[in-house]
């Protein structure tokens, strides 16, 4: 009984916060795209120091994008079978 109530509250909370998590995922995709563009430009210019910095930025942006997608796909978006 209490477990059902807690699960219902969790599902409701996830439904309310989903738009915020979607915005985070979209922003993370934009940041990843910008980081990849910076890496391409650094490679085009042949600037090795900028390439190294851009590779770190791509890694961080990809990590943030994956975290945002993981937050978006929580188990509450797939209700358990009864």
C-alpha atoms as a PDB file:
ATOM      1  CA  UNK A   1       0.000   0.000   0.000  1.00  0.00           C
ATOM      2  CA  UNK A   2       2.629   2.561   0.988  1.00  0.00           C
ATOM      3  CA  UNK A   3       4.880   1.334  -1.813  1.00  0.00           C
ATOM      4  CA  UNK A   4       2.143   1.996  -4.361  1.00  0.00           C
ATOM      5  CA  UNK A   5       1.695   5.514  -2.983  1.00  0.00           C
ATOM      6  CA  UNK A   6       5.432   6.254  -3.119  1.00  0.00           C
ATOM      7  CA  UNK A   7       5.663   4.872  -6.652  1.00  0.00           C
ATOM      8  CA  UNK A   8       2.690   6.992  -7.743  1.00  0.00           C
ATOM      9  CA  UNK A   9       4.270  10.101  -6.223  1.00  0.00           C
ATOM     10  CA  UNK A  10       7.530   9.321  -8.002  1.00  0.00           C
ATOM     11  CA  UNK A  11       5.771   8.920 -11.369  1.00  0.00           C
ATOM     12  CA  UNK A  12       3.928  12.203 -10.839  1.00  0.00           C
ATOM     13  CA  UNK A  13       7.165  13.988  -9.936  1.00  0.00           C
ATOM     14  CA  UNK A  14       8.874  12.613 -13.047  1.00  0.00           C
ATOM     15  CA  UNK A  15       5.971  13.772 -15.213  1.00  0.00           C
ATOM     16  CA  UNK A  16       6.172  17.299 -13.780  1.00  0.00           C
ATOM     17  CA  UNK A  17       9.946  17.595 -14.160  1.00  0.00           C
ATOM     18  CA  UNK A  18      10.148  16.014 -17.652  1.00  0.00           C
ATOM     19  CA  UNK A  19      10.054  19.361 -19.544  1.00  0.00           C
ATOM     20  CA  UNK A  20      13.050  20.590 -17.535  1.00  0.00           C
ATOM     21  CA  UNK A  21      14.973  17.408 -18.253  1.00  0.00           C
ATOM     22  CA  UNK A  22      14.099  17.701 -21.951  1.00  0.00           C
ATOM     23  CA  UNK A  23      15.485  21.249 -22.036  1.00  0.00           C
ATOM     24  CA  UNK A  24      18.660  19.997 -20.386  1.00  0.00           C
ATOM     25  CA  UNK A  25      19.022  17.274 -23.033  1.00  0.00           C
ATOM     26  CA  UNK A  26      18.474  19.756 -25.882  1.00  0.00           C
ATOM     27  CA  UNK A  27      20.988  22.192 -24.383  1.00  0.00           C
ATOM     28  CA  UNK A  28      23.505  19.354 -24.002  1.00  0.00           C
ATOM     29  CA  UNK A  29      23.113  18.452 -27.686  1.00  0.00           C
ATOM     30  CA  UNK A  30      23.751  22.073 -28.630  1.00  0.00           C
ATOM     31  CA  UNK A  31      26.860  22.217 -26.448  1.00  0.00           C
ATOM     32  CA  UNK A  32      28.137  18.982 -27.989  1.00  0.00           C
ATOM     33  CA  UNK A  33      27.595  20.347 -31.494  1.00  0.00           C
ATOM     34  CA  UNK A  34      29.453  23.566 -30.614  1.00  0.00           C
ATOM     35  CA  UNK A  35      32.352  21.606 -29.118  1.00  0.00           C
ATOM     36  CA  UNK A  36      32.619  19.440 -32.232  1.00  0.00           C
ATOM     37  CA  UNK A  37      32.625  22.556 -34.427  1.00  0.00           C
ATOM     38  CA  UNK A  38      35.443  24.033 -32.332  1.00  0.00           C
ATOM     39  CA  UNK A  39      37.407  20.799 -32.738  1.00  0.00           C
ATOM     40  CA  UNK A  40      36.919  20.822 -36.518  1.00  0.00           C
ATOM     41  CA  UNK A  41      38.115  24.426 -36.745  1.00  0.00           C
ATOM     42  CA  UNK A  42      41.146  23.707 -34.583  1.00  0.00           C
ATOM     43  CA  UNK A  43      42.076  20.763 -36.810  1.00  0.00           C
ATOM     44  CA  UNK A  44      41.552  22.885 -39.919  1.00  0.00           C
ATOM     45  CA  UNK A  45      43.840  25.611 -38.551  1.00  0.00           C
ATOM     46  CA  UNK A  46      46.398  23.061 -37.382  1.00  0.00           C
ATOM     47  CA  UNK A  47      46.471  24.496 -33.863  1.00  0.00           C
ATOM     48  CA  UNK A  48      47.440  21.543 -31.677  1.00  0.00           C
ATOM     49  CA  UNK A  49      46.878  23.362 -28.382  1.00  0.00           C
ATOM     50  CA  UNK A  50      43.361  24.351 -29.438  1.00  0.00           C
ATOM     51  CA  UNK A  51      42.758  20.775 -30.647  1.00  0.00           C
ATOM     52  CA  UNK A  52      43.640  19.378 -27.236  1.00  0.00           C
ATOM     53  CA  UNK A  53      41.359  21.859 -25.488  1.00  0.00           C
ATOM     54  CA  UNK A  54      38.560  21.144 -27.962  1.00  0.00           C
ATOM     55  CA  UNK A  55      38.905  17.384 -27.473  1.00  0.00           C
ATOM     56  CA  UNK A  56      38.468  17.866 -23.723  1.00  0.00           C
ATOM     57  CA  UNK A  57      35.428  20.068 -24.384  1.00  0.00           C
ATOM     58  CA  UNK A  58      33.928  17.410 -26.670  1.00  0.00           C
ATOM     59  CA  UNK A  59      34.487  14.745 -24.021  1.00  0.00           C
ATOM     60  CA  UNK A  60      32.822  16.871 -21.320  1.00  0.00           C
ATOM     61  CA  UNK A  61      29.926  17.815 -23.596  1.00  0.00           C
ATOM     62  CA  UNK A  62      29.373  14.186 -24.608  1.00  0.00           C
ATOM     63  CA  UNK A  63      29.399  13.141 -20.952  1.00  0.00           C
ATOM     64  CA  UNK A  64      26.849  15.819 -20.090  1.00  0.00           C
ATOM     65  CA  UNK A  65      24.695  14.792 -23.056  1.00  0.00           C
ATOM     66  CA  UNK A  66      24.708  11.172 -21.939  1.00  0.00           C
ATOM     67  CA  UNK A  67      23.833  12.194 -18.378  1.00  0.00           C
ATOM     68  CA  UNK A  68      20.938  14.290 -19.666  1.00  0.00           C
ATOM     69  CA  UNK A  69      19.650  11.390 -21.753  1.00  0.00           C
ATOM     70  CA  UNK A  70      19.956   9.054 -18.780  1.00  0.00           C
ATOM     71  CA  UNK A  71      17.991  11.505 -16.634  1.00  0.00           C
ATOM     72  CA  UNK A  72      15.364  11.716 -19.344  1.00  0.00           C
ATOM     73  CA  UNK A  73      14.934   7.944 -19.608  1.00  0.00           C
ATOM     74  CA  UNK A  74      14.259   7.056 -15.999  1.00  0.00           C
ATOM     75  CA  UNK A  75      12.308   3.971 -15.100  1.00  0.00           C
ATOM     76  CA  UNK A  76       9.254   6.107 -14.292  1.00  0.00           C
ATOM     77  CA  UNK A  77       8.797   6.732 -18.015  1.00  0.00           C
ATOM     78  CA  UNK A  78       8.207   2.967 -18.325  1.00  0.00           C
ATOM     79  CA  UNK A  79       5.583   2.074 -15.696  1.00  0.00           C
ATOM     80  CA  UNK A  80       6.056  -1.308 -14.128  1.00  0.00           C
ATOM     81  CA  UNK A  81       3.836  -4.205 -15.135  1.00  0.00           C
ATOM     82  CA  UNK A  82       1.210  -5.103 -12.599  1.00  0.00           C
END
